[in-house]
C-alpha atoms as a PDB file:
ATOM      1  CA  MET A   1       0.101   0.184  -0.243  1.00  0.00           C
ATOM      2  CA  LYS A   2       2.889   2.349   0.816  1.00  0.00           C
ATOM      3  CA  PHE A   3       4.084   1.654  -3.127  1.00  0.00           C
ATOM      4  CA  ILE A   4       0.222   2.674  -4.153  1.00  0.00           C
ATOM      5  CA  GLU A   5       0.298   5.713  -2.088  1.00  0.00           C
ATOM      6  CA  THR A   6       3.478   7.291  -3.015  1.00  0.00           C
ATOM      7  CA  MET A   7       3.686   6.397  -6.811  1.00  0.00           C
ATOM      8  CA  ASP A   8       3.285   9.183  -9.242  1.00  0.00           C
ATOM      9  CA  MET A   9      -0.212   9.002 -10.953  1.00  0.00           C
ATOM     10  CA  SER A  10       0.242  11.395 -13.872  1.00  0.00           C
ATOM     11  CA  TYR A  11       0.184   8.312 -16.144  1.00  0.00           C
ATOM     12  CA  SER A  12      -3.504   7.829 -17.156  1.00  0.00           C
ATOM     13  CA  TYR A  13      -3.070   3.847 -17.323  1.00  0.00           C
ATOM     14  CA  LYS A  14      -2.276   3.812 -13.631  1.00  0.00           C
ATOM     15  CA  PRO A  15      -5.710   4.578 -11.696  1.00  0.00           C
ATOM     16  CA  VAL A  16      -7.469   2.441 -14.550  1.00  0.00           C
ATOM     17  CA  LEU A  17      -5.156  -0.413 -13.672  1.00  0.00           C
ATOM     18  CA  LEU A  18      -5.894   0.012  -9.901  1.00  0.00           C
ATOM     19  CA  LYS A  19      -9.428  -0.196 -10.379  1.00  0.00           C
ATOM     20  CA  ALA A  20      -9.420  -3.108 -12.898  1.00  0.00           C
ATOM     21  CA  ILE A  21      -7.389  -4.738 -10.428  1.00  0.00           C
ATOM     22  CA  TYR A  22      -9.950  -3.639  -7.778  1.00  0.00           C
ATOM     23  CA  GLU A  23     -12.706  -5.307  -9.373  1.00  0.00           C
ATOM     24  CA  TYR A  24     -11.277  -8.400 -10.462  1.00  0.00           C
ATOM     25  CA  MET A  25      -8.556  -9.500  -7.717  1.00  0.00           C
ATOM     26  CA  ASP A  26      -9.718 -12.979  -6.131  1.00  0.00           C
ATOM     27  CA  THR A  27      -9.307 -13.529  -2.676  1.00  0.00           C
ATOM     28  CA  SER A  28      -5.620 -13.690  -2.968  1.00  0.00           C
ATOM     29  CA  GLY A  29      -5.188 -10.214  -4.218  1.00  0.00           C
ATOM     30  CA  ARG A  30      -4.425 -12.338  -7.790  1.00  0.00           C
ATOM     31  CA  VAL A  31      -6.317 -10.962 -11.317  1.00  0.00           C
ATOM     32  CA  ALA A  32      -6.315 -12.782 -14.406  1.00  0.00           C
ATOM     33  CA  LEU A  33      -4.523 -10.707 -17.590  1.00  0.00           C
ATOM     34  CA  PRO A  34      -7.456 -10.859 -19.427  1.00  0.00           C
ATOM     35  CA  ASP A  35      -9.551  -9.390 -16.813  1.00  0.00           C
ATOM     36  CA  VAL A  36      -7.579  -6.342 -17.283  1.00  0.00           C
ATOM     37  CA  VAL A  37      -6.898  -6.507 -20.491  1.00  0.00           C
ATOM     38  CA  ASP A  38     -10.525  -6.350 -21.021  1.00  0.00           C
ATOM     39  CA  TYR A  39     -11.172  -3.598 -18.504  1.00  0.00           C
ATOM     40  CA  PHE A  40      -8.919  -1.274 -20.508  1.00  0.00           C
ATOM     41  CA  ILE A  41     -10.952  -1.654 -23.581  1.00  0.00           C
ATOM     42  CA  ASP A  42     -14.226  -0.824 -22.101  1.00  0.00           C
ATOM     43  CA  PHE A  43     -12.585   1.606 -20.168  1.00  0.00           C
ATOM     44  CA  TYR A  44     -11.110   3.176 -22.973  1.00  0.00           C
ATOM     45  CA  SER A  45     -14.184   2.655 -25.639  1.00  0.00           C
ATOM     46  CA  ASN A  46     -16.285   4.028 -23.199  1.00  0.00           C
ATOM     47  CA  ILE A  47     -14.082   7.569 -23.096  1.00  0.00           C
ATOM     48  CA  THR A  48     -13.948   7.624 -26.917  1.00  0.00           C
ATOM     49  CA  HIS A  49     -17.572   6.741 -27.450  1.00  0.00           C
ATOM     50  CA  ARG A  50     -18.409   9.646 -24.945  1.00  0.00           C
ATOM     51  CA  SER A  51     -15.654  12.023 -26.433  1.00  0.00           C
ATOM     52  CA  LYS A  52     -17.478  11.942 -29.974  1.00  0.00           C
ATOM     53  CA  ASN A  53     -20.599  11.777 -28.746  1.00  0.00           C
ATOM     54  CA  ASP A  54     -19.564  15.108 -26.996  1.00  0.00           C
ATOM     55  CA  LYS A  55     -18.886  17.018 -30.551  1.00  0.00           C
END
């Protein structure tokens, strides 16, 4: 947790990665890579879709 509290969050993928891990981790704290990939695809697809609709 100390690493998360002190790490630089200036890159947009880091908060998304933490959200994906938190959402999909099992009781041991492990997460399947395909779940994280799907989360990223959904997250950034939604942003792209919303920005196109705003124009």
